[in-house]
């Protein structure tokens, strides 16, 4: 049935990688790294679009960051969400079924109603200013970003991981 189809589609995936925007931690980009039966989705940097003017000025002082920001504004920016998006690549053999994988990933996305509620609940969230100071660079402190109250799709993401872990 459907479960076997999903397992077969994922079993053929050798590697996947990229980054994604999660409703459970909406201010940070998350790196997706998968090889074999190991999948990690970990927060990395702040999305450009969530930074205020002062935070942005601080962030673009890092080597290469200004060019990265400008490229993102030019090539990847959306009026509604800025640079926040999913960008994933899957590498696998011939039995890898793109349509099944796309369906699984689509089930992790918020519905239109959930996205509207998410936007309302997270509109006032901002990265903490103490993350953008010389002091934070010197002591290496990185605080936890605020979390949204949106209905999380983490259950679907956990199901995706479970399917990847299943043995034949």
N, C-alpha and C. Protein backbone atom coordinates (compact mmCIF):
# COMPACT_ATOMS: atom_id res chain seq x y z
N UNK A 1 0.79 -1.17 0.00
CA UNK A 1 0.00 0.00 0.00
C UNK A 1 0.85 1.26 0.00
N UNK A 2 0.26 2.29 0.52
CA UNK A 2 0.89 3.61 0.54
C UNK A 2 2.19 3.61 1.35
N UNK A 3 2.17 2.96 2.52
CA UNK A 3 3.36 2.91 3.36
C UNK A 3 4.51 2.25 2.62
N UNK A 4 4.26 1.15 1.95
CA UNK A 4 5.31 0.45 1.19
C UNK A 4 5.83 1.32 0.06
N UNK A 5 4.95 2.04 -0.60
CA UNK A 5 5.35 2.95 -1.68
C UNK A 5 6.26 4.05 -1.14
N UNK A 6 5.88 4.61 0.02
CA UNK A 6 6.70 5.66 0.64
C UNK A 6 8.06 5.11 1.05
N UNK A 7 8.06 3.92 1.65
CA UNK A 7 9.32 3.32 2.06
C UNK A 7 10.22 3.05 0.86
N UNK A 8 9.65 2.53 -0.21
CA UNK A 8 10.43 2.24 -1.42
C UNK A 8 11.00 3.51 -2.02
N UNK A 9 10.19 4.56 -2.05
CA UNK A 9 10.66 5.83 -2.62
C UNK A 9 11.81 6.39 -1.80
N UNK A 10 11.71 6.32 -0.49
CA UNK A 10 12.76 6.87 0.37
C UNK A 10 13.99 5.97 0.43
N UNK A 11 13.81 4.67 0.32
CA UNK A 11 14.92 3.74 0.36
C UNK A 11 15.89 4.01 -0.79
N UNK A 12 15.37 4.46 -1.91
CA UNK A 12 16.20 4.73 -3.08
C UNK A 12 16.98 6.04 -2.96
N UNK A 13 16.65 6.86 -1.97
CA UNK A 13 17.35 8.13 -1.77
C UNK A 13 18.68 7.84 -1.07
N UNK A 14 19.77 8.19 -1.72
CA UNK A 14 21.09 7.97 -1.14
C UNK A 14 21.53 9.15 -0.28
N UNK A 15 21.16 10.33 -0.74
CA UNK A 15 21.56 11.55 -0.04
C UNK A 15 20.56 12.64 -0.35
N UNK A 16 20.35 13.52 0.62
CA UNK A 16 19.56 14.73 0.38
C UNK A 16 20.17 15.83 1.23
N UNK A 17 20.05 17.04 0.72
CA UNK A 17 20.65 18.16 1.44
C UNK A 17 19.99 19.45 1.03
N UNK A 18 20.22 20.47 1.83
CA UNK A 18 19.68 21.78 1.53
C UNK A 18 19.34 22.51 2.81
N UNK A 19 18.33 23.36 2.72
CA UNK A 19 17.89 24.10 3.89
C UNK A 19 16.38 24.30 3.83
N UNK A 20 15.82 24.61 5.00
CA UNK A 20 14.37 24.75 5.08
C UNK A 20 13.97 25.75 6.16
N UNK A 21 12.71 26.14 6.08
CA UNK A 21 12.09 27.09 7.01
C UNK A 21 11.09 26.29 7.84
N UNK A 22 11.28 26.26 9.15
CA UNK A 22 10.41 25.48 10.03
C UNK A 22 9.51 26.41 10.84
N UNK A 23 8.26 26.01 10.99
CA UNK A 23 7.34 26.82 11.80
C UNK A 23 7.68 26.75 13.28
N UNK A 24 8.36 25.72 13.71
CA UNK A 24 8.70 25.58 15.13
C UNK A 24 9.88 26.46 15.54
N UNK A 25 10.63 26.97 14.58
CA UNK A 25 11.75 27.87 14.85
C UNK A 25 11.86 28.81 13.65
N UNK A 26 10.92 29.75 13.53
CA UNK A 26 10.71 30.47 12.28
C UNK A 26 11.74 31.54 11.92
N UNK A 27 12.60 31.91 12.84
CA UNK A 27 13.53 32.99 12.56
C UNK A 27 14.88 32.50 12.02
N UNK A 28 15.11 31.21 12.12
CA UNK A 28 16.40 30.65 11.69
C UNK A 28 16.25 29.70 10.51
N UNK A 29 17.24 29.77 9.66
CA UNK A 29 17.35 28.81 8.56
C UNK A 29 17.83 27.49 9.17
N UNK A 30 17.31 26.37 8.67
CA UNK A 30 17.72 25.06 9.15
C UNK A 30 18.40 24.30 8.02
N UNK A 31 19.53 23.71 8.32
CA UNK A 31 20.25 22.91 7.33
C UNK A 31 19.76 21.48 7.41
N UNK A 32 19.43 20.92 6.26
CA UNK A 32 18.97 19.55 6.11
C UNK A 32 20.15 18.76 5.57
N UNK A 33 20.58 17.73 6.30
CA UNK A 33 21.69 16.88 5.87
C UNK A 33 21.30 15.42 6.06
N UNK A 34 21.29 14.68 4.98
CA UNK A 34 20.88 13.28 5.03
C UNK A 34 21.84 12.44 4.19
N UNK A 35 22.28 11.34 4.76
CA UNK A 35 23.08 10.34 4.04
C UNK A 35 22.70 8.99 4.63
N UNK A 36 22.33 8.06 3.76
CA UNK A 36 21.92 6.74 4.24
C UNK A 36 20.70 6.85 5.13
N UNK A 37 20.81 6.31 6.34
CA UNK A 37 19.69 6.35 7.28
C UNK A 37 19.82 7.46 8.31
N UNK A 38 20.74 8.38 8.09
CA UNK A 38 20.95 9.48 9.02
C UNK A 38 20.39 10.76 8.43
N UNK A 39 19.50 11.41 9.17
CA UNK A 39 18.92 12.68 8.77
C UNK A 39 19.05 13.66 9.92
N UNK A 40 19.62 14.82 9.63
CA UNK A 40 19.72 15.88 10.64
C UNK A 40 19.16 17.16 10.05
N UNK A 41 18.33 17.85 10.84
CA UNK A 41 17.80 19.16 10.46
C UNK A 41 18.13 20.07 11.63
N UNK A 42 19.11 20.97 11.41
CA UNK A 42 19.62 21.79 12.51
C UNK A 42 19.58 23.27 12.17
N UNK A 43 19.28 24.11 13.18
CA UNK A 43 19.26 25.56 12.93
C UNK A 43 20.66 26.09 12.67
N UNK A 44 20.73 27.08 11.79
CA UNK A 44 22.02 27.71 11.52
C UNK A 44 21.91 29.20 11.74
N UNK A 45 21.75 29.95 10.69
CA UNK A 45 21.79 31.40 10.77
C UNK A 45 20.39 31.99 10.69
N UNK A 46 20.29 33.26 11.04
CA UNK A 46 19.02 33.96 10.95
C UNK A 46 18.67 34.18 9.48
N UNK A 47 17.39 34.10 9.16
CA UNK A 47 16.96 34.50 7.83
C UNK A 47 17.21 36.00 7.69
N UNK A 48 17.66 36.44 6.54
CA UNK A 48 17.90 37.86 6.31
C UNK A 48 16.64 38.68 6.58
N UNK A 49 15.52 38.17 6.15
CA UNK A 49 14.27 38.94 6.21
C UNK A 49 13.73 39.18 7.62
N UNK A 50 14.28 38.52 8.63
CA UNK A 50 13.79 38.72 10.00
C UNK A 50 14.63 39.73 10.77
N UNK A 51 15.72 40.19 10.17
CA UNK A 51 16.62 41.12 10.85
C UNK A 51 16.12 42.56 10.72
N UNK A 52 16.25 43.33 11.81
CA UNK A 52 15.95 44.75 11.70
C UNK A 52 17.16 45.45 11.08
N UNK A 53 17.07 46.74 10.84
CA UNK A 53 18.14 47.47 10.13
C UNK A 53 19.48 47.37 10.84
N UNK A 54 19.49 47.53 12.16
CA UNK A 54 20.75 47.47 12.92
C UNK A 54 21.35 46.07 12.89
N UNK A 55 20.51 45.05 13.05
CA UNK A 55 20.99 43.67 13.01
C UNK A 55 21.56 43.34 11.63
N UNK A 56 20.88 43.82 10.60
CA UNK A 56 21.35 43.59 9.23
C UNK A 56 22.71 44.25 9.01
N UNK A 57 22.86 45.48 9.47
CA UNK A 57 24.15 46.17 9.34
C UNK A 57 25.26 45.37 10.00
N UNK A 58 24.99 44.83 11.18
CA UNK A 58 25.98 44.03 11.90
C UNK A 58 26.28 42.74 11.12
N UNK A 59 25.24 42.08 10.65
CA UNK A 59 25.40 40.78 10.00
C UNK A 59 26.20 40.88 8.70
N UNK A 60 26.00 41.93 7.92
CA UNK A 60 26.69 42.03 6.63
C UNK A 60 28.16 42.43 6.78
N UNK A 61 28.64 42.68 8.00
CA UNK A 61 30.06 42.96 8.20
C UNK A 61 30.91 41.70 8.15
N UNK A 62 30.30 40.52 8.29
CA UNK A 62 31.04 39.27 8.18
C UNK A 62 31.58 39.14 6.76
N UNK A 63 32.77 38.58 6.59
CA UNK A 63 33.33 38.41 5.24
C UNK A 63 32.38 37.61 4.34
N UNK A 64 32.08 38.19 3.19
CA UNK A 64 31.22 37.53 2.21
C UNK A 64 29.73 37.69 2.45
N UNK A 65 29.35 38.15 3.63
CA UNK A 65 27.93 38.23 3.98
C UNK A 65 27.18 39.27 3.16
N UNK A 66 27.82 40.39 2.88
CA UNK A 66 27.14 41.44 2.11
C UNK A 66 26.79 40.93 0.71
N UNK A 67 27.73 40.23 0.07
CA UNK A 67 27.47 39.67 -1.27
C UNK A 67 26.37 38.61 -1.21
N UNK A 68 26.39 37.81 -0.15
CA UNK A 68 25.35 36.79 0.02
C UNK A 68 23.97 37.43 0.19
N UNK A 69 23.92 38.48 1.00
CA UNK A 69 22.66 39.18 1.21
C UNK A 69 22.15 39.80 -0.09
N UNK A 70 23.02 40.47 -0.82
CA UNK A 70 22.62 41.09 -2.09
C UNK A 70 22.14 40.06 -3.10
N UNK A 71 22.83 38.92 -3.16
CA UNK A 71 22.42 37.85 -4.08
C UNK A 71 21.05 37.30 -3.68
N UNK A 72 20.84 37.15 -2.39
CA UNK A 72 19.55 36.66 -1.90
C UNK A 72 18.44 37.64 -2.26
N UNK A 73 18.69 38.93 -2.05
CA UNK A 73 17.68 39.96 -2.40
C UNK A 73 17.38 39.95 -3.90
N UNK A 74 18.40 39.74 -4.70
CA UNK A 74 18.24 39.80 -6.15
C UNK A 74 17.56 38.53 -6.71
N UNK A 75 18.00 37.38 -6.24
CA UNK A 75 17.60 36.12 -6.87
C UNK A 75 16.55 35.30 -6.13
N UNK A 76 16.44 35.47 -4.82
CA UNK A 76 15.62 34.54 -4.02
C UNK A 76 14.53 35.21 -3.19
N UNK A 77 14.38 36.51 -3.29
CA UNK A 77 13.49 37.24 -2.39
C UNK A 77 12.04 37.15 -2.85
N UNK A 78 11.14 36.94 -1.92
CA UNK A 78 9.70 36.92 -2.17
C UNK A 78 9.08 38.06 -1.36
N UNK A 79 8.19 38.81 -1.96
CA UNK A 79 7.59 39.96 -1.28
C UNK A 79 6.92 39.55 0.04
N UNK A 80 6.30 38.39 0.09
CA UNK A 80 5.57 37.96 1.29
C UNK A 80 6.46 37.45 2.42
N UNK A 81 7.50 36.70 2.09
CA UNK A 81 8.28 36.01 3.13
C UNK A 81 9.77 36.31 3.09
N UNK A 82 10.20 37.17 2.20
CA UNK A 82 11.62 37.48 2.11
C UNK A 82 12.41 36.31 1.56
N UNK A 83 13.46 35.93 2.28
CA UNK A 83 14.33 34.85 1.82
C UNK A 83 13.95 33.49 2.41
N UNK A 84 12.92 33.44 3.23
CA UNK A 84 12.53 32.18 3.87
C UNK A 84 11.89 31.24 2.86
N UNK A 85 12.38 30.00 2.82
CA UNK A 85 11.92 29.04 1.81
C UNK A 85 12.50 27.65 2.11
N UNK A 86 12.09 26.69 1.29
CA UNK A 86 12.66 25.34 1.32
C UNK A 86 13.51 25.21 0.06
N UNK A 87 14.69 24.66 0.20
CA UNK A 87 15.53 24.39 -0.96
C UNK A 87 16.26 23.08 -0.69
N UNK A 88 15.71 21.99 -1.23
CA UNK A 88 16.23 20.66 -0.96
C UNK A 88 16.56 19.94 -2.26
N UNK A 89 17.60 19.11 -2.22
CA UNK A 89 18.02 18.30 -3.36
C UNK A 89 18.06 16.85 -2.90
N UNK A 90 17.51 15.96 -3.71
CA UNK A 90 17.52 14.53 -3.41
C UNK A 90 18.31 13.80 -4.49
N UNK A 91 19.20 12.92 -4.06
CA UNK A 91 20.04 12.15 -4.96
C UNK A 91 19.77 10.67 -4.69
N UNK A 92 19.44 9.93 -5.75
CA UNK A 92 19.14 8.52 -5.55
C UNK A 92 19.18 7.74 -6.84
N UNK A 93 18.84 6.47 -6.71
CA UNK A 93 18.84 5.57 -7.85
C UNK A 93 17.52 5.61 -8.61
N UNK A 94 17.44 4.82 -9.68
CA UNK A 94 16.24 4.80 -10.52
C UNK A 94 14.93 4.50 -9.79
N UNK A 95 14.93 3.70 -8.71
CA UNK A 95 13.64 3.47 -8.05
C UNK A 95 13.15 4.66 -7.22
N UNK A 96 13.93 5.74 -7.14
CA UNK A 96 13.50 6.92 -6.38
C UNK A 96 12.32 7.54 -7.12
N UNK A 97 11.20 7.66 -6.43
CA UNK A 97 9.97 8.18 -7.03
C UNK A 97 9.75 9.62 -6.60
N UNK A 98 10.06 10.55 -7.48
CA UNK A 98 9.94 11.97 -7.16
C UNK A 98 8.53 12.33 -6.69
N UNK A 99 7.52 11.81 -7.35
CA UNK A 99 6.14 12.19 -7.01
C UNK A 99 5.79 11.77 -5.58
N UNK A 100 6.26 10.63 -5.13
CA UNK A 100 5.97 10.17 -3.76
C UNK A 100 6.73 11.03 -2.76
N UNK A 101 7.99 11.35 -3.07
CA UNK A 101 8.79 12.19 -2.17
C UNK A 101 8.19 13.59 -2.07
N UNK A 102 7.79 14.14 -3.20
CA UNK A 102 7.16 15.47 -3.20
C UNK A 102 5.88 15.45 -2.36
N UNK A 103 5.09 14.40 -2.49
CA UNK A 103 3.86 14.29 -1.70
C UNK A 103 4.19 14.23 -0.20
N UNK A 104 5.20 13.46 0.18
CA UNK A 104 5.60 13.38 1.59
C UNK A 104 6.04 14.74 2.11
N UNK A 105 6.85 15.45 1.33
CA UNK A 105 7.33 16.77 1.75
C UNK A 105 6.19 17.77 1.79
N UNK A 106 5.29 17.72 0.82
CA UNK A 106 4.14 18.63 0.81
C UNK A 106 3.28 18.44 2.05
N UNK A 107 3.21 17.22 2.57
CA UNK A 107 2.41 16.97 3.77
C UNK A 107 3.01 17.63 5.01
N UNK A 108 4.27 18.05 4.92
CA UNK A 108 4.92 18.76 6.03
C UNK A 108 4.66 20.26 5.98
N UNK A 109 4.13 20.77 4.88
CA UNK A 109 3.89 22.20 4.73
C UNK A 109 2.61 22.62 5.45
N UNK A 110 2.58 23.87 5.89
CA UNK A 110 1.37 24.42 6.49
C UNK A 110 0.31 24.61 5.41
N UNK A 111 -0.94 24.43 5.78
CA UNK A 111 -2.03 24.75 4.87
C UNK A 111 -2.13 26.28 4.79
N UNK A 112 -2.94 26.79 3.87
CA UNK A 112 -3.11 28.24 3.76
C UNK A 112 -3.64 28.84 5.06
N UNK A 113 -4.62 28.17 5.68
CA UNK A 113 -5.17 28.66 6.95
C UNK A 113 -4.11 28.63 8.06
N UNK A 114 -3.34 27.54 8.13
CA UNK A 114 -2.28 27.44 9.13
C UNK A 114 -1.21 28.51 8.89
N UNK A 115 -0.90 28.79 7.62
CA UNK A 115 0.09 29.82 7.31
C UNK A 115 -0.40 31.20 7.72
N UNK A 116 -1.67 31.48 7.48
CA UNK A 116 -2.24 32.76 7.92
C UNK A 116 -2.15 32.90 9.44
N UNK A 117 -2.52 31.85 10.17
CA UNK A 117 -2.44 31.88 11.64
C UNK A 117 -0.99 32.01 12.09
N UNK A 118 -0.09 31.31 11.42
CA UNK A 118 1.34 31.37 11.73
C UNK A 118 1.86 32.79 11.57
N UNK A 119 1.50 33.43 10.48
CA UNK A 119 1.95 34.80 10.23
C UNK A 119 1.46 35.75 11.33
N UNK A 120 0.21 35.59 11.75
CA UNK A 120 -0.32 36.44 12.82
C UNK A 120 0.41 36.19 14.14
N UNK A 121 0.65 34.91 14.44
CA UNK A 121 1.28 34.55 15.71
C UNK A 121 2.76 34.91 15.77
N UNK A 122 3.41 35.00 14.63
CA UNK A 122 4.85 35.23 14.63
C UNK A 122 5.25 36.62 14.12
N UNK A 123 4.28 37.46 13.79
CA UNK A 123 4.60 38.75 13.18
C UNK A 123 5.46 39.64 14.07
N UNK A 124 5.39 39.47 15.37
CA UNK A 124 6.17 40.33 16.27
C UNK A 124 7.48 39.68 16.73
N UNK A 125 7.74 38.46 16.32
CA UNK A 125 8.99 37.80 16.73
C UNK A 125 10.18 38.43 16.03
N UNK A 126 11.26 38.64 16.76
CA UNK A 126 12.50 39.19 16.23
C UNK A 126 13.68 38.49 16.90
N UNK A 127 14.79 38.38 16.20
CA UNK A 127 15.99 37.84 16.86
C UNK A 127 16.41 38.77 17.99
N UNK A 128 16.94 38.22 19.07
CA UNK A 128 17.36 39.07 20.18
C UNK A 128 18.56 39.94 19.79
N UNK A 129 18.53 41.22 20.17
CA UNK A 129 19.60 42.15 19.81
C UNK A 129 20.97 41.73 20.34
N UNK A 130 20.99 41.05 21.49
CA UNK A 130 22.28 40.64 22.06
C UNK A 130 23.03 39.66 21.17
N UNK A 131 22.35 39.06 20.20
CA UNK A 131 23.01 38.17 19.24
C UNK A 131 23.87 38.96 18.25
N UNK A 132 23.66 40.26 18.16
CA UNK A 132 24.31 41.09 17.15
C UNK A 132 25.17 42.15 17.83
N UNK A 133 26.16 41.67 18.56
CA UNK A 133 27.04 42.59 19.29
C UNK A 133 28.44 42.00 19.31
N UNK A 134 29.41 42.87 19.59
CA UNK A 134 30.79 42.43 19.71
C UNK A 134 30.91 41.43 20.86
N UNK A 135 30.16 41.66 21.93
CA UNK A 135 30.19 40.74 23.08
C UNK A 135 29.79 39.33 22.71
N UNK A 136 28.78 39.18 21.87
CA UNK A 136 28.36 37.84 21.47
C UNK A 136 29.42 37.16 20.62
N UNK A 137 30.17 37.95 19.85
CA UNK A 137 31.27 37.38 19.06
C UNK A 137 32.40 36.92 19.97
N UNK A 138 32.71 37.71 20.99
CA UNK A 138 33.82 37.39 21.88
C UNK A 138 33.56 36.18 22.75
N UNK A 139 32.34 36.05 23.26
CA UNK A 139 32.07 34.91 24.15
C UNK A 139 31.37 33.76 23.44
N UNK A 140 31.09 33.91 22.16
CA UNK A 140 30.50 32.82 21.39
C UNK A 140 29.10 32.47 21.82
N UNK A 141 28.42 33.36 22.51
CA UNK A 141 27.07 33.04 22.98
C UNK A 141 26.07 33.09 21.84
N UNK A 142 25.24 32.11 21.81
CA UNK A 142 24.17 32.06 20.83
C UNK A 142 22.92 31.65 21.58
N UNK A 143 21.96 32.55 21.67
CA UNK A 143 20.73 32.26 22.40
C UNK A 143 19.76 31.47 21.56
N UNK A 144 18.81 30.86 22.20
CA UNK A 144 17.76 30.16 21.49
C UNK A 144 16.79 31.16 20.91
N UNK A 145 16.45 31.02 19.64
CA UNK A 145 15.49 31.95 19.06
C UNK A 145 14.10 31.71 19.63
N UNK A 146 13.24 32.73 19.60
CA UNK A 146 11.88 32.54 20.08
C UNK A 146 11.16 31.49 19.23
N UNK A 147 10.21 30.82 19.82
CA UNK A 147 9.45 29.79 19.10
C UNK A 147 8.06 30.31 18.79
N UNK A 148 7.50 29.83 17.69
CA UNK A 148 6.15 30.26 17.33
C UNK A 148 5.13 29.40 18.04
N UNK A 149 3.92 29.92 18.08
CA UNK A 149 2.82 29.16 18.65
C UNK A 149 2.02 28.47 17.55
N UNK A 150 2.56 28.48 16.34
CA UNK A 150 1.85 27.87 15.20
C UNK A 150 1.72 26.37 15.40
N UNK A 151 0.69 25.83 14.78
CA UNK A 151 0.51 24.38 14.82
C UNK A 151 1.65 23.75 14.02
N UNK A 152 2.54 23.06 14.71
CA UNK A 152 3.75 22.54 14.09
C UNK A 152 3.46 21.31 13.23
N UNK A 153 4.18 21.23 12.14
CA UNK A 153 4.10 20.07 11.27
C UNK A 153 5.20 19.08 11.61
N UNK A 154 5.78 19.21 12.80
CA UNK A 154 6.90 18.35 13.16
C UNK A 154 6.49 16.88 13.19
N UNK A 155 5.22 16.59 13.45
CA UNK A 155 4.76 15.21 13.45
C UNK A 155 4.99 14.59 12.08
N UNK A 156 4.69 15.34 11.01
CA UNK A 156 4.91 14.82 9.66
C UNK A 156 6.40 14.66 9.38
N UNK A 157 7.22 15.59 9.86
CA UNK A 157 8.66 15.49 9.67
C UNK A 157 9.20 14.27 10.42
N UNK A 158 8.68 14.03 11.63
CA UNK A 158 9.10 12.85 12.39
C UNK A 158 8.68 11.58 11.67
N UNK A 159 7.52 11.59 11.05
CA UNK A 159 7.06 10.43 10.29
C UNK A 159 7.98 10.18 9.10
N UNK A 160 8.42 11.24 8.45
CA UNK A 160 9.36 11.12 7.34
C UNK A 160 10.65 10.47 7.83
N UNK A 161 11.17 10.90 8.98
CA UNK A 161 12.36 10.30 9.55
C UNK A 161 12.11 8.83 9.89
N UNK A 162 10.97 8.52 10.45
CA UNK A 162 10.64 7.13 10.81
C UNK A 162 10.63 6.25 9.57
N UNK A 163 10.04 6.75 8.50
CA UNK A 163 10.01 5.98 7.25
C UNK A 163 11.41 5.73 6.71
N UNK A 164 12.29 6.71 6.89
CA UNK A 164 13.66 6.56 6.41
C UNK A 164 14.41 5.53 7.24
N UNK A 165 14.03 5.40 8.52
CA UNK A 165 14.72 4.49 9.42
C UNK A 165 14.24 3.04 9.32
N UNK A 166 13.08 2.82 8.72
CA UNK A 166 12.51 1.48 8.69
C UNK A 166 13.35 0.54 7.84
N UNK A 167 13.52 -0.66 8.35
CA UNK A 167 14.21 -1.71 7.60
C UNK A 167 13.22 -2.36 6.65
N UNK A 168 13.75 -3.03 5.63
CA UNK A 168 12.85 -3.76 4.72
C UNK A 168 12.19 -4.91 5.45
